[in-house]
Protein backbone atom coordinates (compact mmCIF):
# COMPACT_ATOMS: atom_id res chain seq x y z
CA MET A 1 -69.29 -70.46 -38.22
CA ASN A 2 -70.92 -72.77 -35.62
CA GLU A 3 -70.94 -69.85 -33.34
CA GLU A 4 -72.81 -67.06 -36.58
CA ASN A 5 -74.85 -69.98 -37.58
CA LEU A 6 -75.97 -71.03 -33.54
CA GLN A 7 -76.28 -66.85 -32.67
CA GLU A 8 -79.05 -66.16 -36.03
CA ASN A 9 -80.75 -69.08 -35.50
CA ILE A 10 -81.79 -67.58 -31.19
CA GLU A 11 -82.28 -64.02 -33.38
CA GLU A 12 -85.23 -66.23 -35.44
CA SER A 13 -86.79 -68.07 -32.53
CA LYS A 14 -86.11 -65.12 -30.53
CA SER A 15 -88.26 -63.58 -33.97
CA SER A 16 -90.63 -65.70 -34.28
CA TYR A 17 -91.99 -65.77 -30.45
CA LEU A 18 -92.48 -62.23 -30.34
CA LYS A 19 -94.76 -63.16 -33.94
CA TYR A 20 -96.69 -65.30 -32.83
CA LEU A 21 -97.29 -63.50 -28.64
CA LYS A 22 -98.93 -60.98 -30.63
CA ILE A 23 -100.88 -62.57 -32.77
CA ILE A 24 -102.10 -65.01 -29.87
CA SER A 25 -102.89 -61.24 -28.06
CA VAL A 26 -104.72 -59.70 -31.36
CA PHE A 27 -107.09 -62.93 -30.56
CA LEU A 28 -107.25 -63.01 -27.39
CA ILE A 29 -108.27 -58.72 -27.45
CA ILE A 30 -111.15 -59.80 -29.48
CA ALA A 31 -112.15 -63.11 -28.24
CA ILE A 32 -112.65 -61.28 -24.40
CA LEU A 33 -113.80 -58.01 -26.23
CA GLY A 34 -116.16 -60.72 -28.08
CA VAL A 35 -117.88 -62.33 -24.94
CA GLY A 36 -118.07 -59.38 -23.03
CA ALA A 37 -120.42 -57.86 -25.95
CA TYR A 38 -121.84 -60.36 -26.12
CA PHE A 39 -122.69 -61.18 -21.76
CA THR A 40 -123.23 -56.75 -22.54
CA ILE A 41 -126.19 -57.74 -25.06
CA HIS A 42 -127.74 -59.75 -23.92
CA LEU A 43 -127.79 -59.62 -19.64
CA GLU A 44 -130.31 -57.89 -18.39
CA MET A 45 -127.75 -55.31 -16.92
CA PHE A 46 -127.50 -53.55 -19.73
CA THR A 47 -130.51 -53.89 -21.24
CA VAL A 48 -133.38 -51.77 -22.18
CA GLN A 49 -136.49 -52.20 -19.98
CA GLU A 50 -138.65 -48.26 -19.99
CA ILE A 51 -138.55 -45.63 -22.51
CA ALA A 52 -139.26 -42.52 -20.62
CA ILE A 53 -141.09 -39.29 -22.57
CA ARG A 54 -141.49 -35.85 -21.27
CA GLY A 55 -143.13 -32.66 -22.85
CA SER A 56 -145.23 -34.32 -25.43
CA THR A 57 -148.14 -32.89 -25.98
CA LYS A 58 -148.86 -32.77 -29.63
CA ILE A 59 -146.99 -35.20 -30.42
CA GLY A 60 -147.98 -38.85 -29.75
CA LYS A 61 -146.00 -40.91 -27.78
CA LYS A 62 -145.55 -44.43 -31.07
CA GLU A 63 -144.32 -41.04 -33.19
CA ILE A 64 -141.22 -40.00 -31.67
CA LEU A 65 -140.07 -43.87 -30.19
CA LYS A 66 -140.21 -44.23 -34.13
CA ARG A 67 -138.62 -41.91 -35.11
CA SER A 68 -136.28 -42.76 -32.33
CA GLY A 69 -135.25 -46.69 -33.63
CA LEU A 70 -135.48 -46.99 -29.79
CA ARG A 71 -137.32 -50.73 -28.82
CA PRO A 72 -137.52 -51.43 -25.01
CA GLY A 73 -135.04 -54.60 -24.77
CA GLU A 74 -132.34 -53.25 -26.67
CA SER A 75 -128.74 -52.76 -24.91
CA SER A 76 -128.35 -49.16 -23.65
CA ILE A 77 -124.85 -49.17 -24.96
CA PHE A 78 -124.47 -49.33 -28.48
CA PHE A 79 -126.48 -45.94 -29.35
CA PHE A 80 -125.36 -42.63 -29.69
CA GLU A 81 -127.35 -40.08 -28.19
CA TYR A 82 -126.98 -38.03 -30.85
CA PHE A 83 -128.07 -39.87 -33.82
CA VAL A 84 -132.18 -40.66 -31.87
CA GLU A 85 -132.24 -36.94 -31.26
CA GLN A 86 -131.63 -36.03 -34.83
CA ASN A 87 -134.09 -38.14 -35.70
CA ILE A 88 -136.65 -37.70 -33.74
CA SER A 89 -135.73 -34.38 -34.62
CA LYS A 90 -137.16 -34.41 -37.85
CA ASN A 91 -140.22 -33.97 -37.14
CA PRO A 92 -141.86 -30.37 -37.31
CA TRP A 93 -143.63 -29.97 -33.86
CA VAL A 94 -140.27 -30.70 -32.12
CA LYS A 95 -138.59 -27.69 -30.67
CA SER A 96 -135.32 -29.01 -28.95
CA VAL A 97 -135.28 -32.62 -28.14
CA SER A 98 -132.94 -34.40 -25.12
CA VAL A 99 -132.07 -38.16 -25.01
CA ILE A 100 -130.72 -38.91 -21.94
CA LYS A 101 -129.23 -42.45 -20.98
CA GLU A 102 -130.23 -43.45 -16.44
CA PHE A 103 -127.90 -46.59 -16.61
CA PRO A 104 -128.71 -49.03 -16.49
CA LYS A 105 -131.69 -49.75 -17.94
CA LYS A 106 -134.01 -46.78 -19.12
CA ILE A 107 -133.96 -44.53 -20.88
CA LEU A 108 -135.34 -40.06 -21.00
CA ILE A 109 -136.82 -38.38 -23.84
CA ASN A 110 -137.46 -35.16 -23.46
CA ILE A 111 -139.26 -33.10 -25.71
CA GLU A 112 -140.21 -29.01 -26.96
CA GLU A 113 -143.04 -28.48 -28.82
CA GLU A 114 -143.25 -26.05 -31.63
CA GLN A 115 -146.71 -22.89 -30.60
CA ALA A 116 -148.63 -22.80 -32.60
CA TYR A 117 -148.70 -19.36 -33.50
CA CYS A 118 -151.08 -18.93 -36.71
CA LEU A 119 -152.49 -20.27 -39.82
CA MET A 120 -150.93 -20.34 -42.66
CA VAL A 121 -153.03 -22.27 -46.62
CA ASN A 122 -150.43 -23.80 -48.35
CA GLU A 123 -149.65 -24.15 -51.41
CA ASP A 124 -151.83 -26.98 -51.81
CA GLY A 125 -155.35 -24.98 -50.18
CA ASP A 126 -154.35 -26.87 -46.79
CA LEU A 127 -154.31 -25.40 -43.78
CA ILE A 128 -151.19 -26.03 -41.24
CA TYR A 129 -150.05 -24.52 -37.89
CA LEU A 130 -147.59 -21.66 -38.32
CA SER A 131 -144.69 -21.21 -35.19
CA LYS A 132 -143.68 -17.58 -34.68
CA GLU A 133 -140.78 -18.18 -35.79
CA GLY A 134 -142.38 -18.58 -39.05
CA LYS A 135 -141.57 -22.67 -39.24
CA ARG A 136 -144.53 -24.75 -40.50
CA LEU A 137 -145.69 -26.89 -38.15
CA GLY A 138 -148.37 -29.51 -39.47
CA PRO A 139 -152.02 -29.58 -40.36
CA SER A 140 -154.76 -28.00 -38.63
CA ASN A 141 -157.28 -30.47 -36.32
CA PHE A 142 -159.92 -29.54 -34.24
CA GLU A 143 -158.28 -30.26 -30.95
CA LEU A 144 -155.36 -27.66 -30.72
CA GLY A 145 -158.58 -25.14 -32.18
CA LEU A 146 -158.69 -23.08 -35.95
CA ASP A 147 -158.57 -19.80 -33.49
CA PHE A 148 -156.50 -18.25 -35.37
CA PRO A 149 -155.32 -15.05 -37.80
CA VAL A 150 -154.83 -16.70 -41.61
CA LEU A 151 -152.25 -16.11 -43.63
CA ILE A 152 -152.71 -16.04 -47.56
CA GLY A 153 -151.82 -15.39 -50.42
CA GLU A 154 -149.49 -16.17 -53.46
CA GLY A 155 -146.91 -13.94 -50.79
CA ILE A 156 -146.09 -17.72 -48.25
CA ASN A 157 -143.12 -18.62 -50.15
CA GLU A 158 -141.07 -15.73 -49.78
CA PRO A 159 -139.86 -15.40 -46.05
CA ASP A 160 -139.66 -11.46 -45.68
CA LEU A 161 -143.14 -11.02 -46.31
CA ILE A 162 -144.12 -13.62 -43.34
CA SER A 163 -142.06 -12.46 -40.83
CA GLU A 164 -143.55 -9.21 -41.51
CA ALA A 165 -146.87 -10.47 -40.90
CA ILE A 166 -145.48 -12.29 -38.26
CA GLN A 167 -144.69 -8.81 -36.26
CA LEU A 168 -147.51 -7.88 -37.45
CA LEU A 169 -149.50 -9.94 -35.33
CA GLU A 170 -147.17 -9.88 -32.34
CA LEU A 171 -147.76 -5.84 -32.76
CA SER A 172 -151.35 -6.54 -32.63
CA THR A 173 -151.14 -8.13 -29.18
CA GLU A 174 -150.47 -5.26 -27.15
CA SER A 175 -152.21 -3.14 -28.47
CA LYS A 176 -155.38 -1.55 -27.52
CA VAL A 177 -156.89 -0.47 -30.35
CA LEU A 178 -156.78 -3.85 -33.16
CA SER A 179 -156.03 -6.70 -31.23
CA TRP A 180 -154.85 -9.90 -32.55
CA ASN A 181 -157.93 -11.92 -31.88
CA GLN A 182 -159.56 -9.05 -34.13
CA ILE A 183 -157.93 -10.20 -36.96
CA SER A 184 -158.84 -12.60 -39.37
CA GLU A 185 -157.04 -12.33 -42.34
CA VAL A 186 -153.17 -11.39 -43.52
CA HIS A 187 -152.87 -11.39 -47.25
CA LEU A 188 -149.73 -11.46 -48.60
CA ASP A 189 -148.75 -10.93 -51.81
CA SER A 190 -145.32 -10.23 -54.36
CA ILE A 191 -146.88 -6.68 -55.49
CA TYR A 192 -149.20 -5.04 -53.23
CA GLY A 193 -146.49 -6.10 -50.58
CA ILE A 194 -149.29 -7.07 -46.75
CA SER A 195 -153.02 -6.54 -46.27
CA LEU A 196 -154.43 -6.74 -43.14
CA PHE A 197 -158.15 -7.71 -43.05
CA THR A 198 -160.43 -7.56 -40.15
CA VAL A 199 -163.85 -9.99 -37.79
CA ASP A 200 -165.91 -6.80 -39.39
CA LYS A 201 -164.63 -6.59 -42.04
CA LYS A 202 -162.04 -3.77 -42.56
CA ARG A 203 -159.28 -4.13 -44.71
CA ILE A 204 -156.16 -2.10 -44.45
CA GLU A 205 -153.61 -2.33 -46.31
CA PHE A 206 -149.87 -2.02 -45.27
CA ASP A 207 -147.63 -3.31 -48.48
CA THR A 208 -143.87 -4.13 -47.27
CA LYS A 209 -141.20 -2.09 -44.61
CA ASN A 210 -141.74 0.56 -41.94
CA ILE A 211 -143.72 -3.04 -39.77
CA VAL A 212 -144.17 -0.99 -36.77
CA GLY A 213 -144.30 2.18 -38.36
CA LYS A 214 -147.02 1.91 -40.01
CA TRP A 215 -149.15 -0.14 -37.27
CA ARG A 216 -149.15 3.04 -35.59
CA LYS A 217 -150.03 5.36 -37.81
CA VAL A 218 -153.38 2.25 -38.16
CA GLU A 219 -153.95 2.91 -34.90
CA LYS A 220 -154.27 6.95 -34.46
CA ILE A 221 -156.44 6.57 -37.78
CA ILE A 222 -158.16 4.27 -35.75
CA THR A 223 -158.09 6.48 -32.59
CA HIS A 224 -158.60 9.40 -33.76
CA ALA A 225 -161.86 7.83 -35.99
CA GLU A 226 -163.13 6.23 -32.67
CA MET A 227 -163.18 9.11 -30.83
CA LEU A 228 -164.86 11.54 -33.96
CA GLY A 229 -168.07 8.40 -33.57
CA ILE A 230 -167.14 7.49 -37.34
CA ASP A 231 -166.01 3.80 -39.26
CA GLU A 232 -163.38 3.22 -40.93
CA LYS A 233 -163.98 1.07 -43.35
CA TYR A 234 -160.90 1.14 -45.73
CA ILE A 235 -157.40 2.22 -44.13
CA ASN A 236 -153.71 2.71 -46.96
CA VAL A 237 -150.58 3.09 -44.95
CA SER A 238 -148.89 1.58 -48.11
CA SER A 239 -146.67 5.73 -48.18
CA ASP A 240 -144.25 5.88 -44.82
CA SER A 241 -145.82 10.14 -45.33
CA MET A 242 -149.72 9.67 -45.71
CA GLY A 243 -152.30 7.57 -45.00
CA VAL A 244 -155.72 7.11 -47.18
CA VAL A 245 -158.75 6.15 -45.03
CA ASN A 246 -162.40 5.17 -46.66
CA PHE A 247 -165.20 5.93 -43.83
CA ASP A 248 -168.38 4.64 -43.61
CA LEU A 249 -169.75 7.16 -42.30
CA PRO A 250 -173.61 6.91 -40.28
CA VAL A 251 -177.14 7.55 -42.37
CA MET A 252 -178.46 11.02 -41.18
CA LYS A 253 -182.35 10.93 -40.89
CA THR A 254 -183.89 13.72 -41.57
CA ASP A 255 -188.19 14.68 -40.04
CA VAL A 256 -189.77 15.83 -43.34
CA GLU A 257 -193.55 17.08 -42.42
CA GLU A 258 -195.40 16.33 -45.43
CA ASP A 259 -197.65 19.50 -46.63
CA GLY A 260 -200.98 19.59 -45.82
């Protein structure tokens, strides 16, 4: 009995020793991590001293820094690039962004900005920039310029109409008879589709669908009118089978001799 009790006591002592050893090990690891974190945060070795921003021309650097949440003097270890990039990307002018840690003391933010392709009058009557992909960018200003075609009408909230209107503008960039600079407004209507107005007051109605085919028809009509020396004021190519044209014919002057 004594030998059995002695053996049990030895086993219990070993078990208690192992438990204490595990507890001490856990506390020791926590202490080491805590001390390491403290020195990492407070020592200058991993402290951000420079935040460099590249590629930003339309977005102010203060705006980018505010969205990033980064500040000089903070640790360069305890933040994740992905979340910083997500916050910066919330600005509509940001097309893409990358955040790079250049250890130990520098953070590099690379910005690729959207490009304004045209203007739009939004639901509140404000004039805003639109990208080539139809993304709403921000309010218009004199610094970026106002010399863009304007999308307007109650159909501005319909993605298909926006896409087709931008397709028309893209076709105009390659046209020799109706260029991008000649387009003043593009009206979007949920019922009647797309109507284009030029700077010299021409009105061209496209409706929707088969935009490329209808554009080619408009080019042929304008080219033919120029060959005849007449000016077209209204063109309707909403039908795939035919086009309706209203010409502004020149006034013919005749000399009439008065009798004696």
